[in-house]
N, C-alpha and C. Protein backbone atom coordinates (compact mmCIF):
# COMPACT_ATOMS: atom_id res chain seq x y z
N UNK A 1 -57.58 -8.53 -21.46
CA UNK A 1 -57.53 -7.92 -22.90
C UNK A 1 -56.93 -6.68 -22.14
N UNK A 2 -56.63 -6.07 -21.10
CA UNK A 2 -55.80 -5.57 -20.58
C UNK A 2 -54.44 -6.17 -20.73
N UNK A 3 -53.89 -7.07 -20.19
CA UNK A 3 -53.11 -7.82 -19.91
C UNK A 3 -52.25 -7.53 -21.26
N UNK A 4 -53.01 -8.32 -22.50
CA UNK A 4 -52.02 -8.19 -23.54
C UNK A 4 -52.17 -6.35 -24.52
N UNK A 5 -52.51 -5.53 -24.17
CA UNK A 5 -52.27 -4.65 -24.59
C UNK A 5 -51.38 -4.29 -23.45
N UNK A 6 -50.72 -4.23 -22.13
CA UNK A 6 -50.21 -4.25 -21.74
C UNK A 6 -48.71 -4.38 -22.31
N UNK A 7 -48.54 -6.06 -22.61
CA UNK A 7 -46.72 -6.22 -22.61
C UNK A 7 -47.37 -5.99 -24.47
N UNK A 8 -47.76 -5.79 -24.55
CA UNK A 8 -47.21 -4.68 -26.68
C UNK A 8 -47.25 -3.07 -26.53
N UNK A 9 -47.63 -3.01 -25.51
CA UNK A 9 -47.14 -1.62 -25.03
C UNK A 9 -45.65 -1.53 -24.29
N UNK A 10 -45.42 -2.61 -23.48
CA UNK A 10 -43.89 -2.88 -23.39
C UNK A 10 -42.94 -3.10 -24.21
N UNK A 11 -44.02 -3.58 -25.34
CA UNK A 11 -43.12 -4.44 -26.60
C UNK A 11 -42.84 -3.52 -27.18
N UNK A 12 -43.62 -2.81 -27.05
CA UNK A 12 -42.83 -0.67 -28.17
C UNK A 12 -42.05 0.02 -27.76
N UNK A 13 -42.01 0.29 -26.82
CA UNK A 13 -41.40 0.89 -26.10
C UNK A 13 -39.69 0.02 -25.63
N UNK A 14 -38.83 -0.60 -25.31
CA UNK A 14 -38.24 -1.39 -25.67
C UNK A 14 -37.78 -1.51 -26.27
N UNK A 15 -38.80 -1.54 -27.82
CA UNK A 15 -37.42 -1.08 -29.25
C UNK A 15 -36.80 -0.22 -28.41
N UNK A 16 -35.85 -0.25 -30.52
CA UNK A 16 -34.65 1.60 -29.81
C UNK A 16 -34.26 1.17 -31.60
N UNK A 17 -34.99 2.42 -32.55
CA UNK A 17 -34.76 3.02 -33.43
C UNK A 17 -32.97 3.39 -33.47
N UNK A 18 -32.52 3.18 -34.43
CA UNK A 18 -30.87 3.84 -34.97
C UNK A 18 -31.51 4.80 -35.89
N UNK A 19 -31.53 5.67 -34.99
CA UNK A 19 -31.58 6.86 -37.14
C UNK A 19 -30.28 7.63 -37.19
N UNK A 20 -30.14 7.82 -38.63
CA UNK A 20 -28.76 8.25 -39.22
C UNK A 20 -28.16 9.36 -38.30
N UNK A 21 -28.80 10.70 -37.38
CA UNK A 21 -28.43 11.29 -37.02
C UNK A 21 -28.21 10.98 -35.70
N UNK A 22 -28.73 9.86 -34.76
CA UNK A 22 -27.86 9.07 -33.49
C UNK A 22 -27.14 8.35 -34.18
N UNK A 23 -26.41 8.14 -35.13
CA UNK A 23 -25.98 6.82 -34.95
C UNK A 23 -24.79 8.05 -35.23
N UNK A 24 -25.70 9.34 -35.72
CA UNK A 24 -23.46 10.86 -35.89
C UNK A 24 -23.54 11.22 -34.67
N UNK A 25 -24.43 10.84 -34.21
CA UNK A 25 -24.28 11.72 -32.85
C UNK A 25 -22.89 10.53 -31.56
N UNK A 26 -23.61 8.96 -31.49
CA UNK A 26 -22.58 8.71 -31.27
C UNK A 26 -21.06 8.69 -32.09
N UNK A 27 -21.46 8.76 -33.29
CA UNK A 27 -20.02 8.04 -33.41
C UNK A 27 -19.07 9.66 -32.78
N UNK A 28 -19.72 10.88 -33.41
CA UNK A 28 -18.87 11.67 -32.60
C UNK A 28 -18.58 12.41 -31.42
N UNK A 29 -19.42 10.92 -30.02
CA UNK A 29 -19.14 11.00 -28.68
C UNK A 29 -18.14 10.76 -28.85
N UNK A 30 -18.08 9.66 -29.57
CA UNK A 30 -16.61 8.67 -29.44
C UNK A 30 -14.87 9.36 -29.88
N UNK A 31 -15.52 9.49 -30.74
CA UNK A 31 -14.24 10.96 -31.23
C UNK A 31 -13.77 11.98 -30.15
N UNK A 32 -14.47 12.61 -29.18
CA UNK A 32 -14.79 13.71 -28.97
C UNK A 32 -14.81 13.04 -27.21
N UNK A 33 -14.55 10.92 -26.76
CA UNK A 33 -14.05 10.82 -25.73
C UNK A 33 -12.72 10.59 -26.43
N UNK A 34 -12.58 10.32 -27.81
CA UNK A 34 -11.11 9.15 -27.49
C UNK A 34 -10.08 10.18 -27.94
N UNK A 35 -10.50 11.57 -27.59
CA UNK A 35 -9.15 13.06 -27.55
C UNK A 35 -9.29 13.80 -26.14
N UNK A 36 -9.54 13.27 -25.59
CA UNK A 36 -9.73 13.37 -24.10
C UNK A 36 -7.88 13.44 -23.15
N UNK A 37 -7.51 13.91 -22.64
CA UNK A 37 -6.33 14.29 -22.22
C UNK A 37 -6.24 13.14 -20.73
N UNK A 38 -5.72 11.74 -20.52
CA UNK A 38 -5.10 11.55 -19.33
C UNK A 38 -4.43 11.83 -18.60
N UNK A 39 -3.51 11.24 -17.08
CA UNK A 39 -1.96 11.55 -17.37
C UNK A 39 -1.99 9.86 -16.69
N UNK A 40 -0.89 9.86 -17.14
CA UNK A 40 -0.60 8.58 -17.06
C UNK A 40 0.16 8.66 -16.23
N UNK A 41 0.50 7.43 -14.93
CA UNK A 41 2.09 7.53 -13.34
C UNK A 41 2.39 6.07 -13.48
N UNK A 42 3.07 5.74 -13.03
CA UNK A 42 4.51 4.89 -12.80
C UNK A 42 3.32 4.69 -11.01
N UNK A 43 3.98 3.93 -10.45
CA UNK A 43 3.79 4.14 -8.85
C UNK A 43 4.90 2.23 -8.71
N UNK A 44 5.58 3.40 -8.33
CA UNK A 44 6.77 1.85 -7.38
C UNK A 44 6.55 1.64 -5.83
N UNK A 45 6.38 2.46 -5.45
CA UNK A 45 5.75 1.89 -4.82
C UNK A 45 4.66 2.53 -3.42
N UNK A 46 5.01 2.58 -2.27
CA UNK A 46 3.97 3.68 -0.87
C UNK A 46 4.68 4.12 0.12
N UNK A 47 4.03 4.40 0.50
CA UNK A 47 5.56 4.89 2.27
C UNK A 47 3.96 5.67 3.18
N UNK A 48 4.14 5.75 4.70
CA UNK A 48 3.58 6.44 5.72
C UNK A 48 5.21 7.14 6.09
N UNK A 49 5.18 8.91 5.93
CA UNK A 49 6.44 9.21 6.89
C UNK A 49 5.53 10.64 8.33
N UNK A 50 6.28 10.35 8.94
CA UNK A 50 5.71 12.36 10.09
C UNK A 50 6.17 12.36 9.43
N UNK A 51 5.15 14.34 9.62
CA UNK A 51 5.25 15.23 9.16
C UNK A 51 8.22 15.85 9.91
N UNK A 52 7.66 15.28 11.03
CA UNK A 52 8.64 15.97 11.49
C UNK A 52 10.18 14.70 10.67
N UNK A 53 10.15 13.47 10.50
CA UNK A 53 11.03 12.88 9.56
C UNK A 53 10.50 13.25 8.08
N UNK A 54 9.72 13.33 7.33
CA UNK A 54 9.36 14.20 5.43
C UNK A 54 10.61 15.38 6.21
N UNK A 55 11.01 16.27 6.88
CA UNK A 55 11.60 16.72 7.22
C UNK A 55 12.94 17.01 7.61
N UNK A 56 13.46 16.53 7.69
CA UNK A 56 14.38 15.38 7.79
C UNK A 56 15.26 14.81 6.65
N UNK A 57 14.38 15.10 6.34
CA UNK A 57 15.25 14.74 4.44
C UNK A 57 15.71 15.54 3.97
N UNK A 58 17.13 14.85 2.91
CA UNK A 58 18.09 15.97 1.72
C UNK A 58 18.50 14.90 1.21
N UNK A 59 19.29 15.34 0.49
CA UNK A 59 20.18 14.98 -0.30
C UNK A 59 20.78 13.63 0.25
N UNK A 60 20.21 12.23 -0.93
CA UNK A 60 21.31 11.03 -0.15
C UNK A 60 20.32 10.18 0.58
N UNK A 61 19.17 10.60 1.40
CA UNK A 61 18.28 10.07 1.86
C UNK A 61 18.05 8.89 1.13
N UNK A 62 16.57 7.99 2.14
CA UNK A 62 16.46 6.51 1.49
C UNK A 62 15.34 6.45 2.24
N UNK A 63 13.93 6.24 1.39
CA UNK A 63 12.58 6.31 2.23
C UNK A 63 12.13 4.73 1.49
N UNK A 64 11.98 3.67 2.70
CA UNK A 64 11.41 3.10 1.81
C UNK A 64 10.67 2.94 1.57
N UNK A 65 9.57 1.70 0.95
CA UNK A 65 8.88 1.69 0.23
C UNK A 65 8.05 0.06 0.13
N UNK A 66 6.48 0.32 0.44
CA UNK A 66 6.17 -0.29 0.84
C UNK A 66 5.72 -1.78 -0.35
N UNK A 67 6.94 -2.29 -1.13
CA UNK A 67 7.08 -2.97 -2.04
C UNK A 67 8.33 -3.69 -1.92
N UNK A 68 8.84 -5.31 -2.14
CA UNK A 68 9.89 -6.20 -2.32
C UNK A 68 10.89 -5.89 -3.81
N UNK A 69 11.53 -5.81 -3.78
CA UNK A 69 12.80 -5.22 -4.99
C UNK A 69 11.21 -6.43 -6.09
N UNK A 70 11.35 -6.53 -7.40
CA UNK A 70 11.36 -7.26 -9.01
C UNK A 70 9.41 -7.12 -8.20
N UNK A 71 8.65 -6.54 -7.43
CA UNK A 71 7.56 -6.54 -8.15
C UNK A 71 6.37 -5.32 -9.14
N UNK A 72 5.39 -5.99 -9.33
CA UNK A 72 5.65 -5.18 -10.44
C UNK A 72 4.84 -3.38 -10.19
N UNK A 73 4.79 -3.12 -10.53
CA UNK A 73 5.14 -1.38 -10.81
C UNK A 73 3.26 -1.27 -11.68
N UNK A 74 2.99 -0.63 -10.46
CA UNK A 74 1.32 -0.41 -11.00
C UNK A 74 1.17 0.82 -12.32
N UNK A 75 0.26 0.55 -13.31
CA UNK A 75 0.37 1.73 -14.00
C UNK A 75 -1.48 2.53 -13.67
N UNK A 76 -1.03 3.24 -13.44
CA UNK A 76 -2.51 4.32 -13.07
C UNK A 76 -3.19 4.83 -14.84
N UNK A 77 -4.31 5.40 -14.58
CA UNK A 77 -4.44 6.71 -15.48
C UNK A 77 -5.73 7.39 -14.25
N UNK A 78 -5.15 8.55 -14.91
CA UNK A 78 -5.84 10.22 -13.51
C UNK A 78 -6.03 9.18 -11.99
N UNK A 79 -5.72 8.58 -11.90
CA UNK A 79 -4.80 8.01 -10.14
C UNK A 79 -5.11 7.09 -10.16
N UNK A 80 -6.29 6.25 -10.93
CA UNK A 80 -6.98 4.63 -11.43
C UNK A 80 -6.20 3.85 -11.69
N UNK A 81 -5.74 2.18 -10.50
CA UNK A 81 -4.72 0.85 -11.91
C UNK A 81 -5.43 0.41 -12.78
N UNK A 82 -4.61 0.79 -13.85
CA UNK A 82 -5.61 0.02 -15.37
C UNK A 82 -4.39 -0.78 -15.12
N UNK A 83 -3.66 -0.95 -15.03
CA UNK A 83 -2.24 -2.64 -15.35
C UNK A 83 -1.24 -2.82 -14.07
N UNK A 84 -0.75 -3.84 -14.31
CA UNK A 84 0.89 -4.27 -13.89
C UNK A 84 2.11 -4.09 -14.99
N UNK A 85 3.09 -3.67 -14.47
CA UNK A 85 3.50 -4.31 -14.79
C UNK A 85 5.89 -3.64 -15.26
N UNK A 86 6.41 -4.46 -15.69
CA UNK A 86 8.09 -4.25 -15.20
C UNK A 86 8.71 -2.86 -16.05
N UNK A 87 9.95 -2.45 -15.83
CA UNK A 87 10.85 -1.61 -16.02
C UNK A 87 10.72 -2.23 -17.21
N UNK A 88 11.31 -0.96 -18.79
CA UNK A 88 12.07 -1.87 -19.09
C UNK A 88 13.00 -0.45 -19.71
N UNK A 89 13.83 -0.44 -20.86
CA UNK A 89 14.76 0.86 -21.20
C UNK A 89 14.06 0.34 -23.21
N UNK A 90 12.85 1.26 -23.57
CA UNK A 90 13.67 1.79 -24.83
C UNK A 90 14.11 3.12 -25.19
N UNK A 91 14.69 3.01 -26.12
CA UNK A 91 15.56 4.08 -26.78
C UNK A 91 16.17 5.28 -25.96
N UNK A 92 16.59 4.26 -24.00
CA UNK A 92 17.34 5.70 -23.15
C UNK A 92 16.47 6.12 -22.34
N UNK A 93 15.54 5.54 -23.06
CA UNK A 93 14.40 5.99 -21.80
C UNK A 93 13.71 4.54 -21.21
N UNK A 94 12.85 5.16 -20.57
CA UNK A 94 12.03 4.18 -19.52
C UNK A 94 11.02 3.68 -19.57
N UNK A 95 10.70 2.79 -19.61
CA UNK A 95 9.10 2.40 -20.38
C UNK A 95 8.76 1.58 -19.68
N UNK A 96 7.55 1.16 -19.56
CA UNK A 96 7.01 -0.23 -18.67
C UNK A 96 6.00 -0.90 -19.73
N UNK A 97 6.67 -2.23 -19.29
CA UNK A 97 5.66 -3.93 -20.31
C UNK A 97 5.04 -4.68 -19.49
N UNK A 98 3.71 -3.97 -20.25
CA UNK A 98 1.84 -4.40 -19.01
C UNK A 98 2.93 -5.95 -19.38
N UNK A 99 2.77 -6.15 -17.64
CA UNK A 99 2.58 -8.40 -17.38
C UNK A 99 0.64 -8.21 -17.30
N UNK A 100 0.16 -7.44 -16.45
CA UNK A 100 -1.12 -7.44 -16.36
C UNK A 100 -1.78 -6.75 -16.66
N UNK A 101 -3.26 -6.57 -17.55
CA UNK A 101 -4.05 -5.56 -17.24
C UNK A 101 -5.86 -5.97 -17.08
N UNK A 102 -6.08 -4.29 -15.91
CA UNK A 102 -7.12 -5.13 -15.57
C UNK A 102 -8.37 -5.42 -16.74
N UNK A 103 -9.36 -6.11 -16.55
CA UNK A 103 -10.21 -6.00 -17.41
C UNK A 103 -10.83 -4.25 -17.36
N UNK A 104 -11.93 -4.21 -18.59
CA UNK A 104 -12.17 -2.98 -19.19
C UNK A 104 -13.61 -2.80 -17.36
N UNK A 105 -14.29 -3.79 -18.04
CA UNK A 105 -15.11 -3.51 -16.28
C UNK A 105 -14.88 -2.89 -15.55
N UNK A 106 -13.96 -3.46 -15.04
CA UNK A 106 -12.68 -2.92 -13.25
C UNK A 106 -12.94 -1.69 -13.87
N UNK A 107 -12.49 -0.97 -14.52
CA UNK A 107 -12.42 -0.43 -14.21
C UNK A 107 -12.18 0.84 -14.86
N UNK A 108 -14.28 0.68 -15.63
CA UNK A 108 -15.13 1.13 -15.24
C UNK A 108 -15.94 1.64 -14.02
N UNK A 109 -15.27 0.58 -13.39
CA UNK A 109 -16.62 0.43 -12.52
C UNK A 109 -16.04 1.65 -10.82
N UNK A 110 -14.61 1.66 -11.12
CA UNK A 110 -13.55 2.78 -10.10
C UNK A 110 -13.93 3.95 -10.95
N UNK A 111 -14.45 4.40 -11.41
CA UNK A 111 -14.52 5.57 -12.58
C UNK A 111 -14.82 6.59 -11.66
């Protein structure tokens, strides 16, 4: 009899009732979340320099990056990789055409 009572209690506690108030609260939270500003940046490549080399940089200096020409660029949101793409021109401005997007589940893990 004790086993039956325990399973009945367990079933009762796992049920979730969504009240109209809770649904409204979730909607408000989603609205708030969608209005949070984020910083999007595009990374062409990276390199490491010693401070003496950094101090020697002048106009016209070339800094070699760790990527080959034609490799996809990284699209970062708040410094988290979310996609890769290629540079395009949109009305005389640069843009990025996404060629691959990190799955949402992986993006959430990296937050």
